[in-house]
Amino acid sequence: MKTLFLFCIGFFSFVSCEAQSSDLLILKKNNRTIQTFFPGNEIIFNTSTRYYDAFIESINHDSLFLIQYDIKQVPTSLGVYILDTLGTYPFAVNYKEITGFGRFGNKKFNWSGSGGALLGGGTLLTTVGLGTWLFTKPKTRYYASPYLVGGAALLAGIGYLLAKSSGRNKLLGKKYTLEYIAVK
């Protein structure tokens, strides 16, 4: 009797389960899958009119049903700031309106931001070093070493390359394609 009861519970629990609840989108680069989008994922994309950063609620009939959260720091009665959700904004977008995607895994190290910092710092040091070459005499206290100016210029160049090489959007077209998979 106990075995029959467990069998019935197991059978009815498997019968009521669904494997895939909605359709999905696949982003491909040169026919290789880069990212798969399904309900529950965060998606960052552009359309011809706007930039979106939202969570996917469902994908049905060629449309993405998304929800954006407005999260801000608000003060408490104790004077401490906490993160609070001020509002949620549900909306829908047809997948054919998507023109490009933003960065994935934005919780990783930001190479573009580090490149900007290196570019700014290297440019500042190079400018100050060249200024000391013009307005001070050699072998005085404030005269910048050529190694310092050259190293600063090298850091500015590396920063420029880092800032330009990372953080680009993935525009749909030649390399990137978006494929809609209807499950139902």
N, C-alpha and C. Protein backbone atom coordinates (compact mmCIF):
# COMPACT_ATOMS: atom_id res chain seq x y z
N MET A 1 0.82 -1.19 0.00
CA MET A 1 0.00 0.00 0.00
C MET A 1 0.87 1.27 0.00
N LYS A 2 1.92 1.22 0.82
CA LYS A 2 2.82 2.36 0.89
C LYS A 2 3.53 2.58 -0.45
N THR A 3 3.91 1.51 -1.11
CA THR A 3 4.58 1.59 -2.40
C THR A 3 3.63 2.15 -3.46
N LEU A 4 2.39 1.71 -3.43
CA LEU A 4 1.39 2.21 -4.38
C LEU A 4 1.15 3.71 -4.18
N PHE A 5 1.10 4.14 -2.92
CA PHE A 5 0.91 5.55 -2.61
C PHE A 5 2.07 6.39 -3.14
N LEU A 6 3.31 5.96 -2.91
CA LEU A 6 4.48 6.68 -3.41
C LEU A 6 4.52 6.70 -4.93
N PHE A 7 4.13 5.58 -5.55
CA PHE A 7 4.09 5.52 -7.01
C PHE A 7 3.08 6.52 -7.57
N CYS A 8 1.90 6.60 -6.95
CA CYS A 8 0.87 7.55 -7.41
C CYS A 8 1.33 8.99 -7.25
N ILE A 9 1.93 9.31 -6.11
CA ILE A 9 2.44 10.67 -5.88
C ILE A 9 3.50 11.01 -6.92
N GLY A 10 4.44 10.12 -7.16
CA GLY A 10 5.49 10.35 -8.14
C GLY A 10 4.93 10.50 -9.55
N PHE A 11 3.99 9.65 -9.92
CA PHE A 11 3.40 9.69 -11.25
C PHE A 11 2.67 11.01 -11.49
N PHE A 12 1.84 11.43 -10.54
CA PHE A 12 1.07 12.67 -10.72
C PHE A 12 1.96 13.91 -10.66
N SER A 13 3.06 13.85 -9.94
CA SER A 13 3.95 15.01 -9.92
C SER A 13 4.69 15.15 -11.25
N PHE A 14 5.04 14.04 -11.89
CA PHE A 14 5.71 14.12 -13.19
C PHE A 14 4.74 14.48 -14.31
N VAL A 15 3.49 14.07 -14.19
CA VAL A 15 2.50 14.38 -15.22
C VAL A 15 2.22 15.88 -15.26
N SER A 16 2.23 16.52 -14.09
CA SER A 16 1.89 17.94 -14.04
C SER A 16 3.05 18.86 -14.39
N CYS A 17 4.25 18.34 -14.61
CA CYS A 17 5.43 19.17 -14.91
C CYS A 17 5.51 19.46 -16.41
N GLU A 18 5.97 20.67 -16.72
CA GLU A 18 6.25 21.04 -18.11
C GLU A 18 7.74 21.24 -18.26
N ALA A 19 8.28 20.84 -19.39
CA ALA A 19 9.72 20.96 -19.60
C ALA A 19 10.12 22.38 -19.96
N GLN A 20 9.39 23.01 -20.87
CA GLN A 20 9.72 24.36 -21.30
C GLN A 20 8.43 25.16 -21.33
N SER A 21 8.41 26.27 -20.61
CA SER A 21 7.16 27.00 -20.46
C SER A 21 6.91 28.01 -21.57
N SER A 22 7.95 28.45 -22.25
CA SER A 22 7.73 29.43 -23.31
C SER A 22 8.82 29.30 -24.37
N ASP A 23 8.70 30.13 -25.39
CA ASP A 23 9.67 30.12 -26.48
C ASP A 23 11.00 30.69 -26.00
N LEU A 24 12.01 30.65 -26.86
CA LEU A 24 13.31 31.21 -26.48
C LEU A 24 13.98 31.86 -27.67
N LEU A 25 14.96 32.72 -27.36
CA LEU A 25 15.74 33.41 -28.38
C LEU A 25 17.19 32.96 -28.28
N ILE A 26 17.84 32.83 -29.43
CA ILE A 26 19.25 32.43 -29.46
C ILE A 26 20.02 33.48 -30.25
N LEU A 27 21.05 34.04 -29.62
CA LEU A 27 21.95 34.98 -30.28
C LEU A 27 23.14 34.19 -30.81
N LYS A 28 23.39 34.32 -32.12
CA LYS A 28 24.47 33.57 -32.75
C LYS A 28 25.47 34.51 -33.39
N LYS A 29 26.74 34.12 -33.33
CA LYS A 29 27.81 34.84 -34.02
C LYS A 29 28.44 33.85 -34.99
N ASN A 30 28.35 34.16 -36.28
CA ASN A 30 28.86 33.27 -37.33
C ASN A 30 28.34 31.85 -37.16
N ASN A 31 27.05 31.72 -36.90
CA ASN A 31 26.35 30.45 -36.74
C ASN A 31 26.76 29.65 -35.51
N ARG A 32 27.36 30.29 -34.52
CA ARG A 32 27.68 29.65 -33.24
C ARG A 32 26.89 30.35 -32.15
N THR A 33 26.31 29.58 -31.27
CA THR A 33 25.49 30.14 -30.20
C THR A 33 26.36 30.87 -29.19
N ILE A 34 26.02 32.14 -28.94
CA ILE A 34 26.71 32.94 -27.92
C ILE A 34 25.89 32.99 -26.65
N GLN A 35 24.60 33.27 -26.79
CA GLN A 35 23.74 33.46 -25.63
C GLN A 35 22.35 32.93 -25.95
N THR A 36 21.72 32.32 -24.97
CA THR A 36 20.35 31.86 -25.08
C THR A 36 19.51 32.65 -24.09
N PHE A 37 18.40 33.20 -24.56
CA PHE A 37 17.52 34.00 -23.71
C PHE A 37 16.22 33.25 -23.48
N PHE A 38 15.83 33.10 -22.24
CA PHE A 38 14.58 32.46 -21.85
C PHE A 38 14.04 33.17 -20.62
N PRO A 39 12.80 32.89 -20.21
CA PRO A 39 12.22 33.60 -19.06
C PRO A 39 13.08 33.48 -17.80
N GLY A 40 13.26 34.62 -17.14
CA GLY A 40 14.08 34.68 -15.94
C GLY A 40 15.44 35.30 -16.19
N ASN A 41 15.88 35.36 -17.45
CA ASN A 41 17.18 35.96 -17.79
C ASN A 41 17.09 37.48 -17.82
N GLU A 42 18.22 38.11 -17.55
CA GLU A 42 18.33 39.55 -17.78
C GLU A 42 18.77 39.74 -19.22
N ILE A 43 18.21 40.73 -19.87
CA ILE A 43 18.55 41.00 -21.27
C ILE A 43 18.84 42.50 -21.41
N ILE A 44 19.91 42.81 -22.13
CA ILE A 44 20.31 44.19 -22.39
C ILE A 44 20.37 44.33 -23.91
N PHE A 45 19.51 45.20 -24.47
CA PHE A 45 19.47 45.32 -25.92
C PHE A 45 19.05 46.72 -26.34
N ASN A 46 19.24 47.00 -27.63
CA ASN A 46 18.84 48.27 -28.24
C ASN A 46 17.78 48.00 -29.29
N THR A 47 16.88 48.96 -29.43
CA THR A 47 15.99 49.00 -30.59
C THR A 47 16.34 50.27 -31.35
N SER A 48 15.60 50.57 -32.38
CA SER A 48 15.90 51.79 -33.14
C SER A 48 15.57 53.05 -32.35
N THR A 49 14.79 52.92 -31.29
CA THR A 49 14.38 54.10 -30.53
C THR A 49 14.92 54.16 -29.11
N ARG A 50 15.34 53.02 -28.53
CA ARG A 50 15.62 53.02 -27.10
C ARG A 50 16.59 51.92 -26.70
N TYR A 51 17.18 52.10 -25.51
CA TYR A 51 18.04 51.11 -24.86
C TYR A 51 17.25 50.46 -23.73
N TYR A 52 17.29 49.13 -23.62
CA TYR A 52 16.53 48.41 -22.59
C TYR A 52 17.47 47.56 -21.75
N ASP A 53 17.18 47.49 -20.46
CA ASP A 53 17.85 46.59 -19.53
C ASP A 53 16.76 46.04 -18.62
N ALA A 54 16.33 44.80 -18.86
CA ALA A 54 15.16 44.27 -18.16
C ALA A 54 15.29 42.76 -17.98
N PHE A 55 14.33 42.21 -17.24
CA PHE A 55 14.24 40.77 -17.04
C PHE A 55 13.11 40.22 -17.90
N ILE A 56 13.32 39.04 -18.48
CA ILE A 56 12.33 38.43 -19.35
C ILE A 56 11.30 37.69 -18.49
N GLU A 57 10.01 38.06 -18.64
CA GLU A 57 8.95 37.33 -17.96
C GLU A 57 8.49 36.14 -18.80
N SER A 58 8.28 36.38 -20.09
CA SER A 58 7.92 35.29 -20.99
C SER A 58 8.21 35.70 -22.43
N ILE A 59 8.25 34.70 -23.30
CA ILE A 59 8.45 34.93 -24.74
C ILE A 59 7.36 34.15 -25.45
N ASN A 60 6.43 34.86 -26.09
CA ASN A 60 5.32 34.22 -26.79
C ASN A 60 4.99 35.00 -28.05
N HIS A 61 4.68 34.29 -29.12
CA HIS A 61 4.20 34.89 -30.38
C HIS A 61 5.11 36.02 -30.85
N ASP A 62 6.40 35.77 -30.95
CA ASP A 62 7.40 36.72 -31.45
C ASP A 62 7.58 37.95 -30.57
N SER A 63 7.09 37.95 -29.35
CA SER A 63 7.22 39.10 -28.46
C SER A 63 7.91 38.71 -27.17
N LEU A 64 8.72 39.63 -26.67
CA LEU A 64 9.34 39.47 -25.36
C LEU A 64 8.52 40.28 -24.37
N PHE A 65 8.05 39.64 -23.33
CA PHE A 65 7.34 40.33 -22.27
C PHE A 65 8.34 40.54 -21.15
N LEU A 66 8.68 41.81 -20.93
CA LEU A 66 9.79 42.18 -20.05
C LEU A 66 9.27 42.96 -18.85
N ILE A 67 10.12 43.04 -17.82
CA ILE A 67 9.82 43.86 -16.66
C ILE A 67 11.10 44.56 -16.23
N GLN A 68 10.99 45.88 -16.05
CA GLN A 68 12.11 46.68 -15.56
C GLN A 68 11.84 47.05 -14.11
N TYR A 69 12.90 47.04 -13.31
CA TYR A 69 12.80 47.42 -11.91
C TYR A 69 13.50 48.75 -11.72
N ASP A 70 12.84 49.67 -11.02
CA ASP A 70 13.44 50.96 -10.67
C ASP A 70 13.98 50.83 -9.25
N ILE A 71 15.29 50.61 -9.12
CA ILE A 71 15.92 50.38 -7.82
C ILE A 71 16.79 51.59 -7.50
N LYS A 72 16.54 52.20 -6.36
CA LYS A 72 17.26 53.41 -5.95
C LYS A 72 17.68 53.27 -4.49
N GLN A 73 18.64 54.12 -4.09
CA GLN A 73 19.00 54.22 -2.68
C GLN A 73 18.05 55.20 -2.01
N VAL A 74 17.42 54.77 -0.93
CA VAL A 74 16.50 55.64 -0.19
C VAL A 74 16.95 55.68 1.27
N PRO A 75 16.78 56.85 1.92
CA PRO A 75 17.17 56.95 3.33
C PRO A 75 16.12 56.32 4.24
N THR A 76 16.58 55.72 5.32
CA THR A 76 15.68 55.19 6.34
C THR A 76 15.50 56.23 7.43
N SER A 77 14.69 55.92 8.42
CA SER A 77 14.48 56.86 9.53
C SER A 77 15.72 56.99 10.40
N LEU A 78 16.65 56.04 10.28
CA LEU A 78 17.89 56.10 11.04
C LEU A 78 18.99 56.87 10.31
N GLY A 79 18.71 57.33 9.09
CA GLY A 79 19.70 58.07 8.33
C GLY A 79 20.62 57.20 7.50
N VAL A 80 20.31 55.92 7.41
CA VAL A 80 21.11 54.97 6.64
C VAL A 80 20.42 54.75 5.30
N TYR A 81 21.19 54.60 4.25
CA TYR A 81 20.62 54.37 2.92
C TYR A 81 20.52 52.88 2.64
N ILE A 82 19.39 52.46 2.08
CA ILE A 82 19.20 51.08 1.66
C ILE A 82 18.72 51.09 0.21
N LEU A 83 18.91 49.96 -0.47
CA LEU A 83 18.39 49.81 -1.82
C LEU A 83 16.94 49.37 -1.74
N ASP A 84 16.08 50.05 -2.49
CA ASP A 84 14.66 49.73 -2.46
C ASP A 84 14.12 49.78 -3.89
N THR A 85 13.15 48.93 -4.17
CA THR A 85 12.50 48.92 -5.47
C THR A 85 11.37 49.95 -5.44
N LEU A 86 11.52 51.01 -6.21
CA LEU A 86 10.52 52.07 -6.22
C LEU A 86 9.39 51.77 -7.18
N GLY A 87 9.64 50.97 -8.19
CA GLY A 87 8.59 50.66 -9.14
C GLY A 87 9.00 49.55 -10.09
N THR A 88 8.01 48.93 -10.69
CA THR A 88 8.24 47.93 -11.73
C THR A 88 7.45 48.37 -12.96
N TYR A 89 8.05 48.15 -14.12
CA TYR A 89 7.45 48.59 -15.37
C TYR A 89 7.40 47.43 -16.35
N PRO A 90 6.25 46.77 -16.47
CA PRO A 90 6.13 45.70 -17.47
C PRO A 90 5.86 46.29 -18.86
N PHE A 91 6.44 45.67 -19.88
CA PHE A 91 6.23 46.10 -21.25
C PHE A 91 6.57 44.94 -22.18
N ALA A 92 6.23 45.10 -23.45
CA ALA A 92 6.48 44.06 -24.45
C ALA A 92 7.20 44.67 -25.65
N VAL A 93 8.08 43.87 -26.25
CA VAL A 93 8.84 44.28 -27.43
C VAL A 93 8.85 43.11 -28.41
N ASN A 94 8.61 43.38 -29.67
CA ASN A 94 8.73 42.35 -30.69
C ASN A 94 10.21 42.07 -30.92
N TYR A 95 10.59 40.80 -31.04
CA TYR A 95 12.01 40.48 -31.17
C TYR A 95 12.61 41.00 -32.48
N LYS A 96 11.78 41.28 -33.48
CA LYS A 96 12.29 41.80 -34.75
C LYS A 96 12.70 43.27 -34.64
N GLU A 97 12.29 43.96 -33.57
CA GLU A 97 12.68 45.36 -33.36
C GLU A 97 14.07 45.50 -32.77
N ILE A 98 14.66 44.41 -32.29
CA ILE A 98 15.97 44.46 -31.65
C ILE A 98 17.04 44.69 -32.70
N THR A 99 17.88 45.72 -32.49
CA THR A 99 18.95 46.04 -33.44
C THR A 99 20.33 45.63 -32.93
N GLY A 100 20.48 45.46 -31.63
CA GLY A 100 21.78 45.08 -31.08
C GLY A 100 21.66 44.73 -29.61
N PHE A 101 22.72 44.12 -29.10
CA PHE A 101 22.76 43.71 -27.70
C PHE A 101 23.92 44.38 -27.00
N GLY A 102 23.73 44.63 -25.71
CA GLY A 102 24.79 45.19 -24.88
C GLY A 102 25.71 44.09 -24.38
N ARG A 103 26.51 44.46 -23.40
CA ARG A 103 27.47 43.50 -22.86
C ARG A 103 26.76 42.44 -22.03
N PHE A 104 27.28 41.22 -22.08
CA PHE A 104 26.77 40.14 -21.25
C PHE A 104 27.71 39.97 -20.07
N GLY A 105 27.20 39.52 -18.98
CA GLY A 105 28.05 39.28 -17.81
C GLY A 105 28.67 40.56 -17.30
N ASN A 106 27.83 41.61 -17.16
CA ASN A 106 28.37 42.89 -16.76
C ASN A 106 28.83 42.93 -15.31
N LYS A 107 28.79 41.82 -14.62
CA LYS A 107 29.28 41.76 -13.26
C LYS A 107 30.77 41.43 -13.23
N LYS A 108 31.35 41.22 -14.39
CA LYS A 108 32.77 40.92 -14.47
C LYS A 108 33.58 42.22 -14.47
N PHE A 109 34.87 42.08 -14.60
CA PHE A 109 35.77 43.23 -14.59
C PHE A 109 35.51 44.12 -15.79
N ASN A 110 35.47 45.42 -15.58
CA ASN A 110 35.17 46.39 -16.63
C ASN A 110 36.47 46.87 -17.28
N TRP A 111 36.88 46.23 -18.37
CA TRP A 111 38.11 46.60 -19.06
C TRP A 111 38.00 47.98 -19.69
N SER A 112 36.82 48.34 -20.16
CA SER A 112 36.65 49.64 -20.79
C SER A 112 36.83 50.76 -19.77
N GLY A 113 36.30 50.58 -18.57
CA GLY A 113 36.47 51.59 -17.52
C GLY A 113 37.92 51.71 -17.08
N SER A 114 38.61 50.59 -16.99
CA SER A 114 40.03 50.63 -16.63
C SER A 114 40.85 51.29 -17.73
N GLY A 115 40.46 51.05 -18.98
CA GLY A 115 41.14 51.72 -20.09
C GLY A 115 40.95 53.22 -20.04
N GLY A 116 39.74 53.66 -19.68
CA GLY A 116 39.50 55.09 -19.54
C GLY A 116 40.33 55.71 -18.43
N ALA A 117 40.47 54.99 -17.31
CA ALA A 117 41.29 55.49 -16.20
C ALA A 117 42.76 55.57 -16.60
N LEU A 118 43.26 54.54 -17.29
CA LEU A 118 44.65 54.57 -17.76
C LEU A 118 44.87 55.68 -18.78
N LEU A 119 43.91 55.86 -19.66
CA LEU A 119 44.03 56.93 -20.66
C LEU A 119 44.07 58.30 -19.99
N GLY A 120 43.17 58.53 -19.05
CA GLY A 120 43.14 59.83 -18.37
C GLY A 120 44.39 60.07 -17.54
N GLY A 121 44.81 59.07 -16.76
CA GLY A 121 46.00 59.22 -15.93
C GLY A 121 47.26 59.37 -16.76
N GLY A 122 47.39 58.57 -17.81
CA GLY A 122 48.57 58.66 -18.67
C GLY A 122 48.65 59.98 -19.40
N THR A 123 47.50 60.48 -19.86
CA THR A 123 47.48 61.77 -20.54
C THR A 123 47.85 62.90 -19.57
N LEU A 124 47.33 62.83 -18.35
CA LEU A 124 47.64 63.86 -17.36
C LEU A 124 49.13 63.86 -17.01
N LEU A 125 49.69 62.67 -16.76
CA LEU A 125 51.12 62.60 -16.43
C LEU A 125 52.00 63.04 -17.61
N THR A 126 51.61 62.68 -18.81
CA THR A 126 52.38 63.10 -19.99
C THR A 126 52.34 64.61 -20.15
N THR A 127 51.17 65.20 -19.97
CA THR A 127 51.03 66.65 -20.10
C THR A 127 51.86 67.39 -19.04
N VAL A 128 51.78 66.92 -17.80
CA VAL A 128 52.55 67.57 -16.73
C VAL A 128 54.05 67.38 -16.97
N GLY A 129 54.45 66.18 -17.40
CA GLY A 129 55.87 65.94 -17.68
C GLY A 129 56.40 66.81 -18.80
N LEU A 130 55.62 66.93 -19.87
CA LEU A 130 56.04 67.80 -20.98
C LEU A 130 56.05 69.27 -20.55
N GLY A 131 55.12 69.65 -19.68
CA GLY A 131 55.11 71.01 -19.16
C GLY A 131 56.35 71.31 -18.33
N THR A 132 56.80 70.34 -17.55
CA THR A 132 58.02 70.56 -16.76
C THR A 132 59.24 70.64 -17.67
N TRP A 133 59.23 69.94 -18.78
CA TRP A 133 60.35 70.05 -19.73
C TRP A 133 60.43 71.45 -20.31
N LEU A 134 59.26 72.06 -20.55
CA LEU A 134 59.24 73.39 -21.16
C LEU A 134 59.59 74.50 -20.17
N PHE A 135 59.14 74.38 -18.92
CA PHE A 135 59.23 75.51 -18.00
C PHE A 135 60.26 75.37 -16.88
N THR A 136 60.98 74.26 -16.82
CA THR A 136 62.04 74.12 -15.80
C THR A 136 63.35 73.77 -16.48
N LYS A 137 64.41 73.99 -15.77
CA LYS A 137 65.73 73.68 -16.30
C LYS A 137 66.06 72.21 -16.03
N PRO A 138 66.86 71.60 -16.91
CA PRO A 138 67.24 70.20 -16.67
C PRO A 138 68.02 70.05 -15.36
N LYS A 139 67.87 68.89 -14.75
CA LYS A 139 68.54 68.51 -13.51
C LYS A 139 68.15 69.38 -12.32
N THR A 140 66.93 69.92 -12.36
CA THR A 140 66.40 70.60 -11.18
C THR A 140 65.40 69.67 -10.50
N ARG A 141 64.86 70.13 -9.40
CA ARG A 141 63.99 69.28 -8.59
C ARG A 141 62.71 68.89 -9.34
N TYR A 142 62.13 69.79 -10.09
CA TYR A 142 60.83 69.55 -10.72
C TYR A 142 60.92 69.10 -12.17
N TYR A 143 62.09 68.84 -12.68
CA TYR A 143 62.26 68.40 -14.07
C TYR A 143 61.86 66.92 -14.17
N ALA A 144 60.94 66.59 -15.08
CA ALA A 144 60.45 65.22 -15.21
C ALA A 144 61.44 64.38 -16.00
N SER A 145 61.60 63.16 -15.56
CA SER A 145 62.48 62.22 -16.24
C SER A 145 61.87 61.81 -17.58
N PRO A 146 62.69 61.61 -18.61
CA PRO A 146 62.15 61.14 -19.89
C PRO A 146 61.48 59.77 -19.75
N TYR A 147 61.97 58.95 -18.82
CA TYR A 147 61.36 57.64 -18.60
C TYR A 147 59.94 57.78 -18.05
N LEU A 148 59.73 58.77 -17.18
CA LEU A 148 58.40 59.02 -16.63
C LEU A 148 57.44 59.46 -17.72
N VAL A 149 57.86 60.37 -18.56
CA VAL A 149 57.00 60.88 -19.63
C VAL A 149 56.72 59.77 -20.65
N GLY A 150 57.74 59.02 -21.01
CA GLY A 150 57.55 57.91 -21.96
C GLY A 150 56.64 56.83 -21.40
N GLY A 151 56.83 56.50 -20.13
CA GLY A 151 55.97 55.50 -19.49
C GLY A 151 54.53 55.98 -19.39
N ALA A 152 54.35 57.26 -19.09
CA ALA A 152 53.00 57.81 -19.01
C ALA A 152 52.33 57.80 -20.38
N ALA A 153 53.08 58.12 -21.43
CA ALA A 153 52.53 58.08 -22.78
C ALA A 153 52.17 56.65 -23.17
N LEU A 154 53.01 55.69 -22.75
CA LEU A 154 52.71 54.28 -23.02
C LEU A 154 51.44 53.84 -22.30
N LEU A 155 51.27 54.26 -21.04
CA LEU A 155 50.04 53.93 -20.31
C LEU A 155 48.82 54.56 -20.96
N ALA A 156 48.95 55.78 -21.46
CA ALA A 156 47.83 56.42 -22.15
C ALA A 156 47.48 55.64 -23.42
N GLY A 157 48.48 55.16 -24.14
CA GLY A 157 48.22 54.36 -25.35
C GLY A 157 47.54 53.05 -25.02
N ILE A 158 48.01 52.37 -23.97
CA ILE A 158 47.38 51.11 -23.56
C ILE A 158 45.94 51.37 -23.12
N GLY A 159 45.73 52.46 -22.39
CA GLY A 159 44.38 52.82 -21.97
C GLY A 159 43.46 53.08 -23.14
N TYR A 160 43.97 53.75 -24.17
CA TYR A 160 43.16 54.00 -25.36
C TYR A 160 42.77 52.69 -26.04
N LEU A 161 43.73 51.77 -26.17
CA LEU A 161 43.43 50.49 -26.80
C LEU A 161 42.42 49.68 -25.99
N LEU A 162 42.56 49.68 -24.66
CA LEU A 162 41.60 48.96 -23.82
C LEU A 162 40.20 49.57 -23.92
N ALA A 163 40.13 50.88 -23.93
CA ALA A 163 38.82 51.54 -24.00
C ALA A 163 38.15 51.28 -25.35
N LYS A 164 38.92 51.21 -26.41
CA LYS A 164 38.34 50.98 -27.73
C LYS A 164 38.01 49.51 -28.00
N SER A 165 38.75 48.60 -27.39
CA SER A 165 38.59 47.19 -27.74
C SER A 165 37.45 46.51 -26.99
N SER A 166 37.00 47.04 -25.88
CA SER A 166 35.96 46.36 -25.11
C SER A 166 34.75 47.25 -24.95
N GLY A 167 33.63 46.61 -24.60
CA GLY A 167 32.41 47.35 -24.33
C GLY A 167 31.59 47.70 -25.55
N ARG A 168 31.85 47.07 -26.67
CA ARG A 168 31.07 47.36 -27.87
C ARG A 168 29.75 46.60 -27.83
N ASN A 169 28.75 47.19 -28.45
CA ASN A 169 27.48 46.49 -28.60
C ASN A 169 27.59 45.48 -29.72
N LYS A 170 26.81 44.44 -29.62
CA LYS A 170 26.76 43.42 -30.65
C LYS A 170 25.59 43.76 -31.58
N LEU A 171 25.88 44.38 -32.71
CA LEU A 171 24.85 44.79 -33.64
C LEU A 171 24.44 43.62 -34.52
N LEU A 172 23.14 43.44 -34.68
CA LEU A 172 22.65 42.36 -35.52
C LEU A 172 22.88 42.72 -36.98
N GLY A 173 23.30 41.74 -37.76
CA GLY A 173 23.58 41.99 -39.17
C GLY A 173 24.50 40.95 -39.73
N LYS A 174 25.74 41.36 -40.07
CA LYS A 174 26.69 40.45 -40.71
C LYS A 174 27.11 39.31 -39.79
N LYS A 175 27.68 39.64 -38.63
CA LYS A 175 28.21 38.61 -37.74
C LYS A 175 27.14 38.01 -36.84
N TYR A 176 26.29 38.86 -36.29
CA TYR A 176 25.35 38.42 -35.26
C TYR A 176 23.95 38.26 -35.84
N THR A 177 23.30 37.16 -35.46
CA THR A 177 21.92 36.92 -35.85
C THR A 177 21.13 36.50 -34.62
N LEU A 178 19.84 36.79 -34.64
CA LEU A 178 18.94 36.44 -33.55
C LEU A 178 17.92 35.45 -34.09
N GLU A 179 17.83 34.31 -33.46
CA GLU A 179 16.95 33.24 -33.92
C GLU A 179 15.86 33.01 -32.89
N TYR A 180 14.61 32.95 -33.36
CA TYR A 180 13.45 32.72 -32.50
C TYR A 180 13.08 31.24 -32.57
N ILE A 181 13.00 30.59 -31.43
CA ILE A 181 12.63 29.17 -31.36
C ILE A 181 11.26 29.07 -30.71
N ALA A 182 10.27 28.61 -31.48
CA ALA A 182 8.93 28.40 -30.94
C ALA A 182 8.84 26.99 -30.39
N VAL A 183 8.55 26.87 -29.10
CA VAL A 183 8.52 25.56 -28.46
C VAL A 183 7.14 24.94 -28.53
N LYS A 184 6.12 25.75 -28.38
CA LYS A 184 4.75 25.22 -28.33
C LYS A 184 4.21 24.94 -29.70
